[in-house]
């Protein structure tokens, strides 16, 4: 595989990945409807892709681009998310983070940001990107760039 050290979709995660696909959050389901079938920028996305010990919400192997939606399950897990993001960066994967609210209220902005970052496609050390001009106070210190 094209990752630096991680294995993709390890067998031990199979049931968990399947459960996550079958029980997507409303925000994940909404974004998946837009991404599937090369619906955004002709990019092929996978959902619930395992990379090493982690499972990404959405992943585009062509652009080494992962998308994570942050909802209630990510509250108070900022340190875990930081470690996870750093691990994925070391694999050459860029991570975009969006809040569930962004998916519901600014879908076109979310999709435009995904296409913009995918087209950059040059630096795997890109910062985690958050397309909101002012990150919410609950995300302060999380490492998300505006």
N, C-alpha and C. Protein backbone atom coordinates (compact mmCIF):
# COMPACT_ATOMS: atom_id res chain seq x y z
N UNK A 1 0.83 -1.17 0.00
CA UNK A 1 0.00 0.00 0.00
C UNK A 1 0.89 1.25 0.00
N UNK A 2 0.34 2.41 -0.23
CA UNK A 2 1.11 3.63 -0.38
C UNK A 2 1.39 4.35 0.93
N UNK A 3 1.01 3.80 2.07
CA UNK A 3 1.28 4.44 3.35
C UNK A 3 2.72 4.20 3.72
N UNK A 4 3.26 5.06 4.57
CA UNK A 4 4.65 4.95 4.95
C UNK A 4 4.91 3.74 5.82
N UNK A 5 4.06 3.51 6.83
CA UNK A 5 4.28 2.36 7.72
C UNK A 5 3.00 1.63 8.10
N UNK A 6 1.88 2.25 7.93
CA UNK A 6 0.62 1.69 8.42
C UNK A 6 0.00 0.70 7.45
N UNK A 7 -0.72 -0.25 8.00
CA UNK A 7 -1.52 -1.15 7.18
C UNK A 7 -2.92 -0.59 7.07
N UNK A 8 -3.55 -0.85 5.94
CA UNK A 8 -4.92 -0.37 5.73
C UNK A 8 -5.91 -1.49 6.02
N UNK A 9 -7.02 -1.12 6.63
CA UNK A 9 -8.13 -2.04 6.85
C UNK A 9 -7.70 -3.38 7.43
N UNK A 10 -7.00 -3.31 8.55
CA UNK A 10 -6.56 -4.55 9.19
C UNK A 10 -7.76 -5.39 9.60
N UNK A 11 -7.59 -6.68 9.57
CA UNK A 11 -8.67 -7.63 9.84
C UNK A 11 -9.33 -7.39 11.19
N UNK A 12 -8.52 -7.01 12.19
CA UNK A 12 -9.05 -6.81 13.54
C UNK A 12 -10.10 -5.69 13.59
N UNK A 13 -10.08 -4.79 12.63
CA UNK A 13 -11.03 -3.67 12.60
C UNK A 13 -12.26 -3.95 11.76
N UNK A 14 -12.31 -5.07 11.08
CA UNK A 14 -13.36 -5.31 10.09
C UNK A 14 -14.76 -5.11 10.65
N UNK A 15 -15.06 -5.73 11.78
CA UNK A 15 -16.40 -5.62 12.36
C UNK A 15 -16.70 -4.20 12.79
N UNK A 16 -15.71 -3.52 13.35
CA UNK A 16 -15.90 -2.14 13.77
C UNK A 16 -16.16 -1.23 12.58
N UNK A 17 -15.39 -1.39 11.50
CA UNK A 17 -15.61 -0.59 10.29
C UNK A 17 -17.01 -0.82 9.72
N UNK A 18 -17.42 -2.09 9.71
CA UNK A 18 -18.75 -2.43 9.20
C UNK A 18 -19.84 -1.80 10.06
N UNK A 19 -19.68 -1.87 11.37
CA UNK A 19 -20.66 -1.27 12.27
C UNK A 19 -20.73 0.25 12.08
N UNK A 20 -19.57 0.88 11.89
CA UNK A 20 -19.56 2.33 11.67
C UNK A 20 -20.25 2.69 10.35
N UNK A 21 -20.03 1.89 9.31
CA UNK A 21 -20.70 2.16 8.02
C UNK A 21 -22.21 1.99 8.13
N UNK A 22 -22.63 0.99 8.90
CA UNK A 22 -24.06 0.70 9.03
C UNK A 22 -24.78 1.63 10.00
N UNK A 23 -24.02 2.37 10.81
CA UNK A 23 -24.61 3.25 11.81
C UNK A 23 -24.03 4.66 11.72
N UNK A 24 -23.98 5.19 10.52
CA UNK A 24 -23.43 6.52 10.34
C UNK A 24 -24.28 7.55 11.06
N UNK A 25 -23.62 8.61 11.52
CA UNK A 25 -24.36 9.72 12.11
C UNK A 25 -25.11 10.43 10.99
N UNK A 26 -26.12 11.23 11.32
CA UNK A 26 -26.81 11.99 10.27
C UNK A 26 -25.86 12.87 9.45
N UNK A 27 -24.88 13.47 10.10
CA UNK A 27 -23.93 14.31 9.36
C UNK A 27 -23.07 13.47 8.42
N UNK A 28 -22.61 12.30 8.89
CA UNK A 28 -21.83 11.42 8.02
C UNK A 28 -22.65 10.96 6.83
N UNK A 29 -23.90 10.60 7.06
CA UNK A 29 -24.77 10.15 5.97
C UNK A 29 -24.99 11.27 4.96
N UNK A 30 -25.16 12.48 5.44
CA UNK A 30 -25.37 13.63 4.56
C UNK A 30 -24.13 13.89 3.70
N UNK A 31 -22.96 13.89 4.33
CA UNK A 31 -21.74 14.13 3.57
C UNK A 31 -21.46 12.96 2.61
N UNK A 32 -21.73 11.75 3.05
CA UNK A 32 -21.50 10.59 2.18
C UNK A 32 -22.34 10.67 0.91
N UNK A 33 -23.58 11.13 1.02
CA UNK A 33 -24.42 11.27 -0.17
C UNK A 33 -23.78 12.20 -1.18
N UNK A 34 -23.07 13.21 -0.71
CA UNK A 34 -22.40 14.15 -1.62
C UNK A 34 -21.10 13.57 -2.18
N UNK A 35 -20.38 12.78 -1.38
CA UNK A 35 -19.06 12.29 -1.78
C UNK A 35 -19.11 11.03 -2.64
N UNK A 36 -20.07 10.16 -2.39
CA UNK A 36 -20.05 8.84 -3.05
C UNK A 36 -20.21 8.96 -4.56
N UNK A 37 -19.72 7.95 -5.24
CA UNK A 37 -19.85 7.92 -6.70
C UNK A 37 -19.10 9.04 -7.39
N UNK A 38 -17.97 9.44 -6.83
CA UNK A 38 -17.16 10.53 -7.40
C UNK A 38 -17.97 11.81 -7.54
N UNK A 39 -18.83 12.06 -6.55
CA UNK A 39 -19.73 13.21 -6.60
C UNK A 39 -19.08 14.56 -6.37
N UNK A 40 -17.85 14.57 -5.87
CA UNK A 40 -17.16 15.83 -5.60
C UNK A 40 -15.81 15.82 -6.32
N UNK A 41 -15.65 16.73 -7.26
CA UNK A 41 -14.37 16.87 -7.96
C UNK A 41 -13.86 15.60 -8.60
N UNK A 42 -14.74 14.69 -8.97
CA UNK A 42 -14.36 13.40 -9.58
C UNK A 42 -13.44 12.57 -8.70
N UNK A 43 -13.48 12.82 -7.39
CA UNK A 43 -12.64 12.07 -6.45
C UNK A 43 -13.40 10.88 -5.90
N UNK A 44 -12.70 9.77 -5.77
CA UNK A 44 -13.29 8.57 -5.18
C UNK A 44 -12.98 8.56 -3.69
N UNK A 45 -14.02 8.50 -2.89
CA UNK A 45 -13.88 8.45 -1.45
C UNK A 45 -14.33 7.09 -0.94
N UNK A 46 -13.69 6.66 0.13
CA UNK A 46 -14.10 5.47 0.87
C UNK A 46 -14.61 5.94 2.21
N UNK A 47 -15.55 5.22 2.77
CA UNK A 47 -16.01 5.58 4.12
C UNK A 47 -15.52 4.54 5.11
N UNK A 48 -15.21 5.02 6.29
CA UNK A 48 -14.71 4.17 7.38
C UNK A 48 -13.50 3.35 6.93
N UNK A 49 -12.49 4.06 6.46
CA UNK A 49 -11.24 3.45 5.99
C UNK A 49 -10.27 3.31 7.15
N UNK A 50 -9.79 2.10 7.37
CA UNK A 50 -8.79 1.87 8.40
C UNK A 50 -7.40 2.23 7.90
N UNK A 51 -6.67 2.96 8.73
CA UNK A 51 -5.27 3.29 8.46
C UNK A 51 -4.54 3.01 9.78
N UNK A 52 -3.75 1.97 9.79
CA UNK A 52 -3.09 1.59 11.04
C UNK A 52 -4.15 1.33 12.11
N UNK A 53 -3.97 1.89 13.31
CA UNK A 53 -4.92 1.63 14.40
C UNK A 53 -6.18 2.50 14.35
N UNK A 54 -6.28 3.37 13.37
CA UNK A 54 -7.37 4.34 13.32
C UNK A 54 -8.31 4.09 12.15
N UNK A 55 -9.52 4.62 12.27
CA UNK A 55 -10.51 4.52 11.20
C UNK A 55 -10.94 5.93 10.84
N UNK A 56 -10.73 6.30 9.58
CA UNK A 56 -11.13 7.62 9.09
C UNK A 56 -12.59 7.59 8.67
N UNK A 57 -13.31 8.69 8.90
CA UNK A 57 -14.69 8.77 8.44
C UNK A 57 -14.75 8.62 6.92
N UNK A 58 -13.93 9.39 6.21
CA UNK A 58 -13.88 9.34 4.75
C UNK A 58 -12.44 9.48 4.31
N UNK A 59 -12.10 8.81 3.21
CA UNK A 59 -10.71 8.83 2.75
C UNK A 59 -10.66 8.78 1.23
N UNK A 60 -9.84 9.65 0.64
CA UNK A 60 -9.60 9.66 -0.81
C UNK A 60 -8.16 9.23 -1.03
N UNK A 61 -7.93 7.96 -1.46
CA UNK A 61 -6.56 7.48 -1.63
C UNK A 61 -5.78 8.21 -2.71
N UNK A 62 -6.45 8.68 -3.73
CA UNK A 62 -5.78 9.37 -4.83
C UNK A 62 -5.07 10.63 -4.35
N UNK A 63 -5.66 11.31 -3.40
CA UNK A 63 -5.10 12.56 -2.89
C UNK A 63 -4.57 12.45 -1.47
N UNK A 64 -4.54 11.23 -0.91
CA UNK A 64 -4.10 11.02 0.48
C UNK A 64 -4.79 12.04 1.39
N UNK A 65 -6.11 12.08 1.28
CA UNK A 65 -6.91 13.07 1.99
C UNK A 65 -7.96 12.38 2.84
N UNK A 66 -7.91 12.63 4.14
CA UNK A 66 -8.89 12.10 5.06
C UNK A 66 -9.82 13.20 5.52
N UNK A 67 -11.07 12.84 5.74
CA UNK A 67 -12.06 13.80 6.23
C UNK A 67 -12.65 13.24 7.51
N UNK A 68 -12.66 14.07 8.53
CA UNK A 68 -13.22 13.70 9.82
C UNK A 68 -14.33 14.68 10.17
N UNK A 69 -15.44 14.13 10.63
CA UNK A 69 -16.53 14.96 11.13
C UNK A 69 -16.50 14.92 12.64
N UNK A 70 -16.53 16.09 13.23
CA UNK A 70 -16.47 16.20 14.68
C UNK A 70 -17.84 16.54 15.22
N UNK A 71 -18.40 15.59 15.92
CA UNK A 71 -19.68 15.78 16.58
C UNK A 71 -19.55 15.44 18.04
N UNK A 72 -20.62 14.96 18.61
CA UNK A 72 -20.64 14.66 20.04
C UNK A 72 -19.59 13.62 20.43
N UNK A 73 -19.29 12.68 19.55
CA UNK A 73 -18.32 11.63 19.89
C UNK A 73 -16.90 12.18 20.02
N UNK A 74 -16.63 13.39 19.53
CA UNK A 74 -15.29 13.97 19.60
C UNK A 74 -15.15 14.97 20.74
N UNK A 75 -16.24 15.31 21.42
CA UNK A 75 -16.14 16.26 22.52
C UNK A 75 -15.21 15.73 23.59
N UNK A 76 -14.34 16.62 24.05
CA UNK A 76 -13.39 16.30 25.13
C UNK A 76 -12.36 15.26 24.73
N UNK A 77 -12.19 14.99 23.45
CA UNK A 77 -11.18 14.03 23.00
C UNK A 77 -10.11 14.75 22.17
N UNK A 78 -9.81 15.98 22.54
CA UNK A 78 -8.89 16.77 21.74
C UNK A 78 -7.48 16.18 21.70
N UNK A 79 -6.99 15.69 22.83
CA UNK A 79 -5.65 15.09 22.86
C UNK A 79 -5.61 13.84 21.98
N UNK A 80 -6.62 13.01 22.07
CA UNK A 80 -6.70 11.81 21.24
C UNK A 80 -6.73 12.20 19.77
N UNK A 81 -7.56 13.19 19.42
CA UNK A 81 -7.65 13.63 18.02
C UNK A 81 -6.31 14.17 17.53
N UNK A 82 -5.58 14.90 18.39
CA UNK A 82 -4.27 15.43 18.01
C UNK A 82 -3.29 14.30 17.73
N UNK A 83 -3.24 13.31 18.60
CA UNK A 83 -2.32 12.17 18.41
C UNK A 83 -2.68 11.41 17.13
N UNK A 84 -3.96 11.23 16.92
CA UNK A 84 -4.45 10.53 15.74
C UNK A 84 -4.07 11.27 14.47
N UNK A 85 -4.29 12.59 14.47
CA UNK A 85 -3.96 13.41 13.31
C UNK A 85 -2.47 13.38 13.04
N UNK A 86 -1.66 13.46 14.07
CA UNK A 86 -0.20 13.42 13.89
C UNK A 86 0.23 12.07 13.31
N UNK A 87 -0.34 11.00 13.78
CA UNK A 87 -0.04 9.67 13.23
C UNK A 87 -0.37 9.63 11.74
N UNK A 88 -1.55 10.12 11.39
CA UNK A 88 -1.97 10.09 9.99
C UNK A 88 -1.09 10.98 9.12
N UNK A 89 -0.68 12.13 9.66
CA UNK A 89 0.26 13.00 8.93
C UNK A 89 1.56 12.26 8.63
N UNK A 90 2.04 11.50 9.60
CA UNK A 90 3.28 10.74 9.38
C UNK A 90 3.11 9.70 8.28
N UNK A 91 1.88 9.32 8.01
CA UNK A 91 1.60 8.39 6.91
C UNK A 91 1.45 9.13 5.59
N UNK A 92 1.58 10.46 5.61
CA UNK A 92 1.45 11.27 4.40
C UNK A 92 0.01 11.66 4.10
N UNK A 93 -0.88 11.49 5.07
CA UNK A 93 -2.30 11.76 4.86
C UNK A 93 -2.65 13.13 5.45
N UNK A 94 -3.29 13.95 4.63
CA UNK A 94 -3.77 15.25 5.09
C UNK A 94 -5.18 15.05 5.65
N UNK A 95 -5.49 15.76 6.72
CA UNK A 95 -6.78 15.60 7.38
C UNK A 95 -7.54 16.92 7.36
N UNK A 96 -8.78 16.84 6.92
CA UNK A 96 -9.70 17.96 7.01
C UNK A 96 -10.72 17.63 8.09
N UNK A 97 -10.99 18.58 8.96
CA UNK A 97 -11.99 18.38 10.01
C UNK A 97 -13.12 19.38 9.81
N UNK A 98 -14.32 18.86 9.92
CA UNK A 98 -15.51 19.70 9.84
C UNK A 98 -16.42 19.33 11.00
N UNK A 99 -17.16 20.29 11.47
CA UNK A 99 -18.15 19.99 12.50
C UNK A 99 -19.41 19.46 11.82
N UNK A 100 -20.19 18.72 12.56
CA UNK A 100 -21.48 18.27 12.03
C UNK A 100 -22.31 19.47 11.59
N UNK A 101 -22.25 20.55 12.38
CA UNK A 101 -23.03 21.74 12.06
C UNK A 101 -22.63 22.31 10.70
N UNK A 102 -21.34 22.30 10.38
CA UNK A 102 -20.89 22.80 9.08
C UNK A 102 -21.50 21.99 7.94
N UNK A 103 -21.59 20.69 8.12
CA UNK A 103 -22.17 19.83 7.08
C UNK A 103 -23.63 20.21 6.84
N UNK A 104 -24.35 20.48 7.92
CA UNK A 104 -25.78 20.79 7.79
C UNK A 104 -26.04 22.22 7.33
N UNK A 105 -25.18 23.17 7.69
CA UNK A 105 -25.49 24.57 7.40
C UNK A 105 -24.66 25.16 6.26
N UNK A 106 -23.55 24.51 5.91
CA UNK A 106 -22.67 25.07 4.88
C UNK A 106 -22.07 23.97 4.00
N UNK A 107 -22.92 23.09 3.51
CA UNK A 107 -22.44 21.96 2.72
C UNK A 107 -21.61 22.41 1.52
N UNK A 108 -22.04 23.44 0.82
CA UNK A 108 -21.28 23.90 -0.35
C UNK A 108 -19.90 24.39 0.05
N UNK A 109 -19.78 25.04 1.20
CA UNK A 109 -18.48 25.47 1.70
C UNK A 109 -17.60 24.28 2.07
N UNK A 110 -18.18 23.27 2.67
CA UNK A 110 -17.45 22.06 3.03
C UNK A 110 -16.92 21.39 1.76
N UNK A 111 -17.78 21.22 0.78
CA UNK A 111 -17.36 20.56 -0.47
C UNK A 111 -16.30 21.38 -1.21
N UNK A 112 -16.46 22.70 -1.21
CA UNK A 112 -15.47 23.56 -1.87
C UNK A 112 -14.11 23.45 -1.18
N UNK A 113 -14.10 23.36 0.13
CA UNK A 113 -12.84 23.22 0.87
C UNK A 113 -12.18 21.87 0.57
N UNK A 114 -12.98 20.82 0.46
CA UNK A 114 -12.44 19.50 0.13
C UNK A 114 -11.76 19.55 -1.24
N UNK A 115 -12.43 20.13 -2.22
CA UNK A 115 -11.86 20.23 -3.57
C UNK A 115 -10.61 21.10 -3.55
N UNK A 116 -10.65 22.22 -2.85
CA UNK A 116 -9.50 23.13 -2.79
C UNK A 116 -8.27 22.42 -2.24
N UNK A 117 -8.43 21.73 -1.12
CA UNK A 117 -7.29 21.06 -0.49
C UNK A 117 -6.81 19.89 -1.35
N UNK A 118 -7.71 19.17 -1.96
CA UNK A 118 -7.31 18.05 -2.83
C UNK A 118 -6.49 18.55 -4.01
N UNK A 119 -6.85 19.70 -4.54
CA UNK A 119 -6.12 20.24 -5.69
C UNK A 119 -4.72 20.71 -5.31
N UNK A 120 -4.53 21.10 -4.05
CA UNK A 120 -3.18 21.49 -3.61
C UNK A 120 -2.25 20.30 -3.75
N UNK A 121 -2.69 19.16 -3.25
CA UNK A 121 -2.06 17.86 -3.49
C UNK A 121 -0.53 17.88 -3.55
N UNK A 122 0.10 18.75 -2.80
CA UNK A 122 1.55 18.81 -2.89
C UNK A 122 2.25 18.51 -1.58
N UNK A 123 1.71 18.94 -0.48
CA UNK A 123 2.41 18.86 0.79
C UNK A 123 1.66 17.99 1.79
N UNK A 124 2.15 16.78 2.07
CA UNK A 124 1.44 15.93 3.01
C UNK A 124 1.53 16.45 4.45
N UNK A 125 2.29 17.49 4.69
CA UNK A 125 2.42 18.04 6.04
C UNK A 125 1.48 19.23 6.26
N UNK A 126 0.46 19.37 5.41
CA UNK A 126 -0.50 20.45 5.58
C UNK A 126 -1.10 20.42 6.98
N UNK A 127 -1.40 21.58 7.48
CA UNK A 127 -2.09 21.65 8.77
C UNK A 127 -3.50 21.12 8.64
N UNK A 128 -4.03 20.66 9.72
CA UNK A 128 -5.45 20.30 9.75
C UNK A 128 -6.20 21.56 9.40
N UNK A 129 -7.19 21.43 8.55
CA UNK A 129 -7.90 22.59 8.05
C UNK A 129 -9.32 22.63 8.57
N UNK A 130 -9.73 23.81 8.97
CA UNK A 130 -11.10 24.06 9.38
C UNK A 130 -11.55 25.28 8.60
N UNK A 131 -12.53 25.16 7.70
CA UNK A 131 -12.88 26.26 6.82
C UNK A 131 -13.64 27.40 7.49
N UNK A 132 -13.96 27.29 8.76
CA UNK A 132 -14.66 28.38 9.42
C UNK A 132 -13.68 29.48 9.73
N UNK A 133 -14.06 30.75 9.50
CA UNK A 133 -13.13 31.84 9.76
C UNK A 133 -12.78 31.96 11.24
N UNK A 134 -13.69 31.62 12.13
CA UNK A 134 -13.45 31.68 13.56
C UNK A 134 -13.86 30.36 14.19
N UNK A 135 -12.87 29.51 14.54
CA UNK A 135 -13.23 28.23 15.14
C UNK A 135 -14.03 28.45 16.41
N UNK A 136 -14.92 27.53 16.70
CA UNK A 136 -15.75 27.67 17.89
C UNK A 136 -14.88 27.59 19.13
N UNK A 137 -15.29 28.22 20.22
CA UNK A 137 -14.50 28.23 21.44
C UNK A 137 -14.20 26.83 21.96
N UNK A 138 -15.07 25.86 21.69
CA UNK A 138 -14.83 24.51 22.19
C UNK A 138 -13.69 23.83 21.46
N UNK A 139 -13.26 24.39 20.33
CA UNK A 139 -12.18 23.79 19.56
C UNK A 139 -10.85 24.49 19.83
N UNK A 140 -10.82 25.53 20.69
CA UNK A 140 -9.58 26.22 20.97
C UNK A 140 -8.56 25.24 21.51
N UNK A 141 -7.35 25.40 21.06
CA UNK A 141 -6.28 24.53 21.51
C UNK A 141 -6.29 23.18 20.84
N UNK A 142 -7.16 22.97 19.88
CA UNK A 142 -7.25 21.65 19.25
C UNK A 142 -6.28 21.50 18.09
N UNK A 143 -5.65 22.59 17.68
CA UNK A 143 -4.72 22.50 16.56
C UNK A 143 -5.37 22.76 15.22
N UNK A 144 -6.65 23.05 15.18
CA UNK A 144 -7.31 23.33 13.91
C UNK A 144 -6.97 24.74 13.48
N UNK A 145 -6.57 24.89 12.24
CA UNK A 145 -6.26 26.20 11.71
C UNK A 145 -7.53 26.78 11.11
N UNK A 146 -7.70 28.11 11.21
CA UNK A 146 -8.90 28.72 10.60
C UNK A 146 -8.80 28.72 9.10
